[in-house]
Amino acid sequence: MRILFVHDHLFLGGAAKAALRMRRMCSDLGHETLSLHGDEASLPGLSAMTVHGKGSRAIRFWEAFLPSKLRTRCRQERATKAFETFLKKKCFDLVWFQNIEGAKKWGWSESLLAVALAHGKAALTLHDMYYLGSGGSYVWDRPLEPTRLAGMEGRHVRELIRAGRLRLNACSSWLGALCEELYDAPCDKLMVPLWPEDFGTHPRNRAGSAITRYLVAADNLQDPRKNILPTLRCLLQSGILERTRSVIHCLGRNLPDDFRAPHIVFHGHLENSAQYRALYNEVDFLLHPSLLDNFPLVIQESLAQGCPVVALNRGGVGEMIRTGKTGLLYQATDQESLEEIFQKCSRQDPEEYRVWSEECRNFAREKFSVVSVTADYQAFLAPLSYKSRERGN
């Protein structure tokens, strides 16, 4: 098949990196693939094209004086038209949508999915709750009510699925079940694959016996959905880091100056995969306090490196961590919960840690390795591979 992967960014954020991994999986299966994205960046050796609704420099200058809603509508109209023109020139058997929220500022919207469906078949990956909330992310702790799935009525989504024109997938059983509960729309489970180079060669030892080292990572450390700054503030103000002799390594952009403390090490942003994996040699645990992530790639990669994970128990995260074997889950961002979890980690002896590390690698290999997920991708794509040259089928 010829498959077009549609995602907001090429490399910023976990969902974009996950999209490229899913694309690589499809390429390895013999499909012809291309990425369509909203930003104007590029990656060496990667075939990709950009579509957006920003307009010329003169148009952008003129739009700067418009109300924000009108400016957004103008960009959406241009982006939708550009996407439709692109699909008329290029023929694809499947258009596979990943996260598009990050490209909304360039005019992307859920209308792109409707355009793709008018030209053929589409797939939709639920990386988090974005598509389930008609363009807005649900908050985990509020009651959930069905609204619109990717901008469409649930009834219409079900009709498209029954007709074989649309398939949904998610990495976690939790998110797939939520989709079915809200919209009565079946959602397949499809993991983001890891390749041999993603795995550590042997179980890890503690980076240091006297100090416990944690890694927190996000493209934007100030993103409120990631919950990193509130967690760091609680750890600093309560004195937990001092009492447990712990150090936090921060990877990403935008760490405020008032968080530059003796127990906080700031590494900045890092794109090089080898350097990123090498950073795990300096830490003992991944700390993942996110409020919104469902099945984050950073946890998969950490487990593959043999690094146990300490995570806030939200969404599908609990499916990634075997408590007491590959890491620990905590329930709230407060002093009591964080104190308990940090004390447990600081008291872990080297042999117990090494056993955990081996369990992490085995679990990641069993659940996420390219060998273990290949059959799932083949089964997912098989019903979509029956080509029809008629528009709308």
Protein backbone atom coordinates (compact mmCIF):
# COMPACT_ATOMS: atom_id res chain seq x y z
CA MET A 1 0.00 0.00 0.00
CA ARG A 2 0.89 3.67 -0.28
CA ILE A 3 0.39 5.12 3.21
CA LEU A 4 0.41 8.81 4.11
CA PHE A 5 1.22 9.54 7.76
CA VAL A 6 -0.29 12.84 8.92
CA HIS A 7 1.21 14.32 12.10
CA ASP A 8 1.74 17.86 13.36
CA HIS A 9 5.53 17.72 13.88
CA LEU A 10 8.40 15.65 12.56
CA PHE A 11 10.34 15.32 15.79
CA LEU A 12 8.97 17.54 18.59
CA GLY A 13 7.10 15.59 21.25
CA GLY A 14 6.56 11.92 21.98
CA ALA A 15 3.56 11.51 19.65
CA ALA A 16 5.59 12.74 16.66
CA LYS A 17 8.42 10.34 17.47
CA ALA A 18 5.88 7.53 17.91
CA ALA A 19 4.35 8.35 14.52
CA LEU A 20 7.73 7.99 12.83
CA ARG A 21 8.24 4.63 14.53
CA MET A 22 4.87 3.40 13.28
CA ARG A 23 5.78 4.65 9.83
CA ARG A 24 9.09 2.77 9.95
CA MET A 25 7.20 -0.38 10.95
CA CYS A 26 4.98 -0.05 7.88
CA SER A 27 8.00 0.56 5.64
CA ASP A 28 9.67 -2.56 7.01
CA LEU A 29 6.51 -4.48 6.06
CA GLY A 30 6.98 -3.37 2.45
CA HIS A 31 4.57 -0.44 2.26
CA GLU A 32 5.46 2.86 0.57
CA THR A 33 5.22 5.64 3.15
CA LEU A 34 5.34 9.44 3.32
CA SER A 35 4.94 11.92 6.19
CA LEU A 36 2.83 15.06 5.91
CA HIS A 37 3.38 17.61 8.67
CA GLY A 38 2.55 21.18 9.58
CA ASP A 39 5.92 22.61 10.54
CA GLU A 40 8.58 23.57 8.04
CA ALA A 41 11.37 21.50 9.55
CA SER A 42 13.03 18.52 7.88
CA LEU A 43 14.90 15.39 8.85
CA PRO A 44 17.82 14.16 6.73
CA GLY A 45 16.91 11.09 4.70
CA LEU A 46 13.21 11.21 5.57
CA SER A 47 10.69 11.71 2.78
CA ALA A 48 8.18 14.27 4.01
CA MET A 49 6.10 17.22 2.85
CA THR A 50 4.67 20.28 4.57
CA VAL A 51 1.10 21.57 4.34
CA HIS A 52 -0.16 24.54 6.34
CA GLY A 53 -2.45 27.55 6.08
CA LYS A 54 -0.09 30.32 7.15
CA GLY A 55 -0.17 32.15 3.83
CA SER A 56 2.42 34.51 2.39
CA ARG A 57 4.32 37.07 4.44
CA ALA A 58 1.94 39.78 3.25
CA ILE A 59 -1.11 37.74 4.23
CA ARG A 60 0.35 37.03 7.66
CA PHE A 61 1.01 40.72 8.18
CA TRP A 62 -2.59 41.53 7.24
CA GLU A 63 -3.97 38.75 9.45
CA ALA A 64 -2.08 40.06 12.46
CA PHE A 65 -4.73 42.78 12.71
CA LEU A 66 -7.67 40.34 12.62
CA PRO A 67 -9.45 38.93 15.69
CA SER A 68 -7.85 35.61 16.69
CA LYS A 69 -10.93 33.52 15.82
CA LEU A 70 -11.17 35.02 12.35
CA ARG A 71 -7.43 34.58 11.79
CA THR A 72 -7.73 30.92 12.83
CA ARG A 73 -10.68 30.38 10.47
CA CYS A 74 -8.76 31.89 7.54
CA ARG A 75 -5.79 29.62 8.20
CA GLN A 76 -8.04 26.57 8.53
CA GLU A 77 -9.68 27.28 5.18
CA ARG A 78 -6.29 27.59 3.46
CA ALA A 79 -4.86 24.49 5.17
CA THR A 80 -7.90 22.36 4.34
CA LYS A 81 -7.83 23.49 0.71
CA ALA A 82 -4.08 22.81 0.47
CA PHE A 83 -4.57 19.32 1.95
CA GLU A 84 -7.36 18.55 -0.52
CA THR A 85 -5.21 19.74 -3.42
CA PHE A 86 -2.36 17.54 -2.19
CA LEU A 87 -4.58 14.43 -2.07
CA LYS A 88 -5.88 15.11 -5.57
CA LYS A 89 -2.32 15.16 -6.91
CA LYS A 90 -1.05 12.20 -4.86
CA CYS A 91 -2.89 8.89 -4.64
CA PHE A 92 -2.72 7.00 -1.33
CA ASP A 93 -4.40 3.77 -0.29
CA LEU A 94 -4.49 4.88 3.34
CA VAL A 95 -4.18 8.20 5.17
CA TRP A 96 -3.07 7.53 8.74
CA PHE A 97 -3.68 10.37 11.20
CA GLN A 98 -1.59 10.77 14.33
CA ASN A 99 -1.78 13.76 16.72
CA ILE A 100 -2.48 17.07 14.95
CA GLU A 101 -3.06 19.39 17.92
CA GLY A 102 0.37 21.00 17.60
CA ALA A 103 -0.42 22.16 14.05
CA LYS A 104 -3.64 23.97 14.93
CA LYS A 105 -1.75 27.26 15.00
CA TRP A 106 -0.96 26.67 11.31
CA GLY A 107 -4.58 25.98 10.36
CA TRP A 108 -4.88 22.23 10.83
CA SER A 109 -8.21 20.97 12.14
CA GLU A 110 -10.36 17.85 12.28
CA SER A 111 -11.70 18.77 8.83
CA LEU A 112 -8.55 17.19 7.37
CA LEU A 113 -9.90 13.77 8.36
CA ALA A 114 -13.15 14.43 6.51
CA VAL A 115 -11.16 15.43 3.41
CA ALA A 116 -9.10 12.22 3.60
CA LEU A 117 -12.23 10.08 3.96
CA ALA A 118 -13.72 11.73 0.88
CA HIS A 119 -10.71 10.44 -1.07
CA GLY A 120 -10.37 6.95 0.40
CA LYS A 121 -9.58 5.08 3.61
CA ALA A 122 -8.19 6.47 6.86
CA ALA A 123 -6.78 5.28 10.16
CA LEU A 124 -6.67 7.25 13.39
CA THR A 125 -4.23 6.72 16.26
CA LEU A 126 -5.36 7.89 19.70
CA HIS A 127 -2.13 8.86 21.44
CA ASP A 128 -4.09 10.55 24.23
CA MET A 129 -7.62 11.88 24.72
CA TYR A 130 -7.38 14.67 22.14
CA TYR A 131 -9.58 13.14 19.43
CA LEU A 132 -12.16 12.00 21.98
CA GLY A 133 -12.95 15.55 23.04
CA SER A 134 -13.76 17.22 19.72
CA GLY A 135 -10.55 19.21 19.59
CA GLY A 136 -9.99 19.58 23.31
CA SER A 137 -8.26 17.29 25.79
CA TYR A 138 -10.36 15.80 28.54
CA VAL A 139 -9.11 16.24 32.09
CA TRP A 140 -8.56 12.86 33.73
CA ASP A 141 -10.34 13.56 36.99
CA ARG A 142 -13.60 14.92 35.56
CA PRO A 143 -16.63 12.88 34.50
CA LEU A 144 -16.49 12.02 30.82
CA GLU A 145 -19.33 12.59 28.39
CA PRO A 146 -19.38 11.84 24.65
CA THR A 147 -19.12 14.90 22.43
CA ARG A 148 -17.61 14.37 18.96
CA LEU A 149 -14.95 11.86 17.96
CA ALA A 150 -12.33 13.61 15.80
CA GLY A 151 -14.96 16.21 14.95
CA MET A 152 -17.56 13.64 13.83
CA GLU A 153 -20.75 12.31 15.38
CA GLY A 154 -20.31 8.89 16.93
CA ARG A 155 -22.96 7.42 14.64
CA HIS A 156 -21.04 8.57 11.56
CA VAL A 157 -17.79 7.12 12.93
CA ARG A 158 -19.46 3.76 13.47
CA GLU A 159 -20.84 3.79 9.90
CA LEU A 160 -17.38 4.49 8.50
CA ILE A 161 -15.87 1.67 10.55
CA ARG A 162 -18.56 -0.80 9.45
CA ALA A 163 -17.97 0.20 5.83
CA GLY A 164 -14.25 -0.54 6.21
CA ARG A 165 -13.24 3.06 5.48
CA LEU A 166 -11.91 3.97 8.95
CA ARG A 167 -10.01 2.15 11.68
CA LEU A 168 -9.13 3.40 15.14
CA ASN A 169 -6.22 2.28 17.30
CA ALA A 170 -4.59 3.10 20.63
CA CYS A 171 -1.57 1.81 22.52
CA SER A 172 -3.36 1.13 25.81
CA SER A 173 -6.37 -1.04 26.51
CA TRP A 174 -7.57 1.74 28.83
CA LEU A 175 -7.84 4.34 26.07
CA GLY A 176 -9.35 1.88 23.61
CA ALA A 177 -11.99 0.91 26.17
CA LEU A 178 -12.72 4.58 26.86
CA CYS A 179 -13.26 5.20 23.14
CA GLU A 180 -15.70 2.30 22.93
CA GLU A 181 -17.49 3.37 26.12
CA LEU A 182 -17.99 6.97 24.94
CA TYR A 183 -18.79 6.39 21.28
CA ASP A 184 -19.47 2.65 20.88
CA ALA A 185 -16.65 2.67 18.32
CA PRO A 186 -14.24 -0.30 18.23
CA CYS A 187 -10.60 0.62 18.78
CA ASP A 188 -7.71 -1.76 18.06
CA LYS A 189 -4.65 -2.04 20.29
CA LEU A 190 -1.42 -1.26 18.44
CA MET A 191 1.90 -0.71 20.18
CA VAL A 192 4.62 1.70 19.11
CA PRO A 193 7.53 -0.58 18.10
CA LEU A 194 11.04 -0.55 19.55
CA TRP A 195 14.05 -1.73 17.56
CA PRO A 196 17.15 -3.61 18.85
CA GLU A 197 19.15 -0.39 19.19
CA ASP A 198 16.56 0.89 21.69
CA PHE A 199 17.40 -1.85 24.19
CA GLY A 200 20.15 -1.86 26.76
CA THR A 201 22.65 -4.67 26.37
CA HIS A 202 22.56 -5.74 30.03
CA PRO A 203 20.80 -5.00 33.34
CA ARG A 204 21.78 -1.72 34.97
CA ASN A 205 23.48 -1.13 38.27
CA ARG A 206 22.58 1.81 40.49
CA ALA A 207 24.33 4.93 39.18
CA GLY A 208 25.45 5.68 42.73
CA SER A 209 24.83 4.07 46.13
CA ALA A 210 24.65 7.26 48.19
CA ILE A 211 22.45 9.35 45.87
CA THR A 212 19.32 8.36 43.95
CA ARG A 213 19.13 9.97 40.53
CA TYR A 214 15.91 10.55 38.55
CA LEU A 215 15.26 11.72 35.01
CA VAL A 216 12.26 13.84 33.98
CA ALA A 217 11.86 14.55 30.27
CA ALA A 218 9.51 16.59 28.10
CA ASP A 219 9.83 18.77 25.03
CA ASN A 220 8.44 21.68 27.07
CA LEU A 221 9.08 21.32 30.80
CA GLN A 222 6.54 24.07 31.52
CA ASP A 223 3.67 22.24 29.79
CA PRO A 224 0.96 22.08 32.51
CA ARG A 225 -0.24 18.72 31.18
CA LYS A 226 3.16 17.21 31.95
CA ASN A 227 2.87 18.30 35.62
CA ILE A 228 6.65 18.56 35.93
CA LEU A 229 7.00 21.97 37.54
CA PRO A 230 4.34 21.36 40.25
CA THR A 231 6.07 18.07 41.06
CA LEU A 232 9.51 19.67 41.27
CA ARG A 233 8.11 22.49 43.39
CA CYS A 234 6.59 20.02 45.85
CA LEU A 235 9.84 18.06 46.04
CA LEU A 236 11.91 21.19 46.61
CA GLN A 237 9.67 22.99 49.09
CA SER A 238 8.99 19.89 51.20
CA GLY A 239 12.67 18.96 51.49
CA ILE A 240 12.07 15.46 50.09
CA LEU A 241 15.10 15.63 47.82
CA GLU A 242 17.40 16.45 50.72
CA ARG A 243 15.93 13.81 53.06
CA THR A 244 16.15 11.04 50.46
CA ARG A 245 19.48 12.24 49.01
CA SER A 246 17.90 12.51 45.55
CA VAL A 247 18.82 14.47 42.42
CA ILE A 248 16.51 15.25 39.47
CA HIS A 249 17.97 15.44 35.96
CA CYS A 250 15.72 17.58 33.71
CA LEU A 251 15.74 17.04 29.95
CA GLY A 252 13.82 19.47 27.74
CA ARG A 253 13.18 23.15 27.15
CA ASN A 254 12.04 26.02 29.37
CA LEU A 255 13.08 25.17 32.91
CA PRO A 256 12.52 28.43 34.89
CA ASP A 257 15.50 29.94 36.68
CA ASP A 258 13.94 29.48 40.12
CA PHE A 259 14.14 25.71 39.64
CA ARG A 260 17.91 25.79 39.14
CA ALA A 261 18.79 24.30 42.54
CA PRO A 262 21.59 22.04 43.86
CA HIS A 263 19.31 19.00 43.57
CA ILE A 264 18.16 19.86 40.02
CA VAL A 265 20.45 19.22 37.01
CA PHE A 266 19.30 20.86 33.77
CA HIS A 267 20.44 19.24 30.49
CA GLY A 268 18.40 21.34 28.05
CA HIS A 269 16.88 19.93 24.87
CA LEU A 270 18.44 16.87 23.24
CA GLU A 271 17.53 15.32 19.87
CA ASN A 272 20.44 12.92 19.28
CA SER A 273 19.16 9.39 20.04
CA ALA A 274 22.53 7.98 21.08
CA GLN A 275 23.17 10.86 23.49
CA TYR A 276 19.65 10.51 24.86
CA ARG A 277 20.13 6.80 25.56
CA ALA A 278 23.53 7.49 27.13
CA LEU A 279 21.84 9.79 29.64
CA TYR A 280 20.27 6.72 31.26
CA ASN A 281 23.76 5.76 32.46
CA GLU A 282 23.57 8.78 34.77
CA VAL A 283 20.19 8.02 36.38
CA ASP A 284 18.50 5.28 38.37
CA PHE A 285 14.81 5.95 37.66
CA LEU A 286 12.60 7.75 35.17
CA LEU A 287 10.16 10.06 36.98
CA HIS A 288 6.96 10.55 34.96
CA PRO A 289 4.41 12.83 36.69
CA SER A 290 2.25 13.59 33.62
CA LEU A 291 -1.48 14.24 33.97
CA LEU A 292 -2.40 13.59 30.36
CA ASP A 293 -0.03 11.16 28.63
CA ASN A 294 -1.68 7.84 27.95
CA PHE A 295 1.08 5.45 26.84
CA PRO A 296 4.19 7.62 26.55
CA LEU A 297 7.11 6.56 24.39
CA VAL A 298 9.56 7.84 27.01
CA ILE A 299 8.40 5.10 29.41
CA GLN A 300 8.78 2.43 26.72
CA GLU A 301 12.32 3.63 25.98
CA SER A 302 13.23 3.80 29.65
CA LEU A 303 12.08 0.23 30.29
CA ALA A 304 13.97 -0.97 27.20
CA GLN A 305 17.12 0.60 28.65
CA GLY A 306 16.57 -1.29 31.90
CA CYS A 307 15.67 1.86 33.83
CA PRO A 308 12.70 1.42 36.23
CA VAL A 309 9.93 4.03 36.16
CA VAL A 310 8.25 6.01 38.93
CA ALA A 311 4.98 7.41 37.54
CA LEU A 312 1.76 9.13 38.49
CA ASN A 313 -0.98 6.57 37.90
CA ARG A 314 -3.05 8.11 35.10
CA GLY A 315 -4.68 6.67 31.99
CA GLY A 316 -2.86 3.72 30.45
CA VAL A 317 0.39 4.31 32.35
CA GLY A 318 -0.51 1.56 34.81
CA GLU A 319 -0.39 -0.98 31.96
CA MET A 320 3.28 -0.14 31.38
CA ILE A 321 4.56 -0.65 34.91
CA ARG A 322 4.57 -3.84 36.97
CA THR A 323 4.56 -2.46 40.48
CA GLY A 324 7.52 -3.70 42.48
CA LYS A 325 9.13 -5.24 39.39
CA THR A 326 9.60 -2.57 36.72
CA GLY A 327 8.82 0.50 38.83
CA LEU A 328 6.32 2.13 41.17
CA LEU A 329 3.06 4.05 40.75
CA TYR A 330 1.86 6.86 43.00
CA GLN A 331 -1.61 8.40 43.18
CA ALA A 332 -1.25 12.15 43.72
CA THR A 333 1.16 15.08 43.43
CA ASP A 334 1.43 15.82 47.12
CA GLN A 335 4.08 15.61 49.81
CA GLU A 336 2.82 12.39 51.38
CA SER A 337 2.67 10.42 48.11
CA LEU A 338 6.01 11.67 46.82
CA GLU A 339 7.75 11.18 50.17
CA GLU A 340 6.64 7.56 50.31
CA ILE A 341 7.74 6.76 46.76
CA PHE A 342 11.11 8.55 47.04
CA GLN A 343 11.87 6.82 50.35
CA LYS A 344 11.18 3.41 48.77
CA CYS A 345 13.52 4.14 45.88
CA SER A 346 16.30 5.48 48.12
CA ARG A 347 16.19 2.32 50.29
CA GLN A 348 16.40 -0.12 47.37
CA ASP A 349 19.58 -2.19 47.57
CA PRO A 350 21.81 -2.75 44.50
CA GLU A 351 20.84 -6.38 43.95
CA GLU A 352 17.11 -5.64 44.08
CA TYR A 353 17.64 -2.79 41.64
CA ARG A 354 19.52 -5.06 39.23
CA VAL A 355 16.64 -7.56 39.30
CA TRP A 356 14.21 -4.72 38.52
CA SER A 357 16.41 -3.58 35.65
CA GLU A 358 16.43 -7.04 34.09
CA GLU A 359 12.64 -7.25 34.51
CA CYS A 360 12.28 -3.90 32.71
CA ARG A 361 14.22 -5.08 29.68
CA ASN A 362 12.35 -8.39 29.51
CA PHE A 363 8.97 -6.68 29.81
CA ALA A 364 9.81 -4.14 27.07
CA ARG A 365 11.10 -6.87 24.77
CA GLU A 366 7.95 -8.94 25.32
CA LYS A 367 5.49 -6.08 24.80
CA PHE A 368 7.12 -3.47 22.55
CA SER A 369 9.88 -5.02 20.41
CA VAL A 370 9.43 -4.93 16.66
CA VAL A 371 9.42 -8.74 16.65
CA SER A 372 6.54 -8.92 19.12
CA VAL A 373 4.31 -6.32 17.41
CA THR A 374 4.80 -7.16 13.71
CA ALA A 375 1.82 -9.54 13.57
CA ASP A 376 -0.44 -6.90 15.12
CA TYR A 377 0.46 -4.39 12.40
CA GLN A 378 -0.10 -6.95 9.68
CA ALA A 379 -3.54 -7.78 11.11
CA PHE A 380 -4.44 -4.10 11.47
CA LEU A 381 -3.48 -3.21 7.89
CA ALA A 382 -4.88 -6.31 6.18
CA PRO A 383 -8.55 -5.15 6.00
CA LEU A 384 -7.41 -1.74 4.76
CA SER A 385 -5.21 -3.11 1.99
CA TYR A 386 -8.07 -4.07 -0.32
CA LYS A 387 -7.73 -1.31 -2.87
CA SER A 388 -10.65 0.41 -4.46
CA ARG A 389 -10.07 3.04 -7.12
CA GLU A 390 -13.53 4.50 -6.67
CA ARG A 391 -13.62 7.76 -4.74
CA GLY A 392 -15.19 7.41 -1.33
CA ASN A 393 -14.67 3.63 -1.02
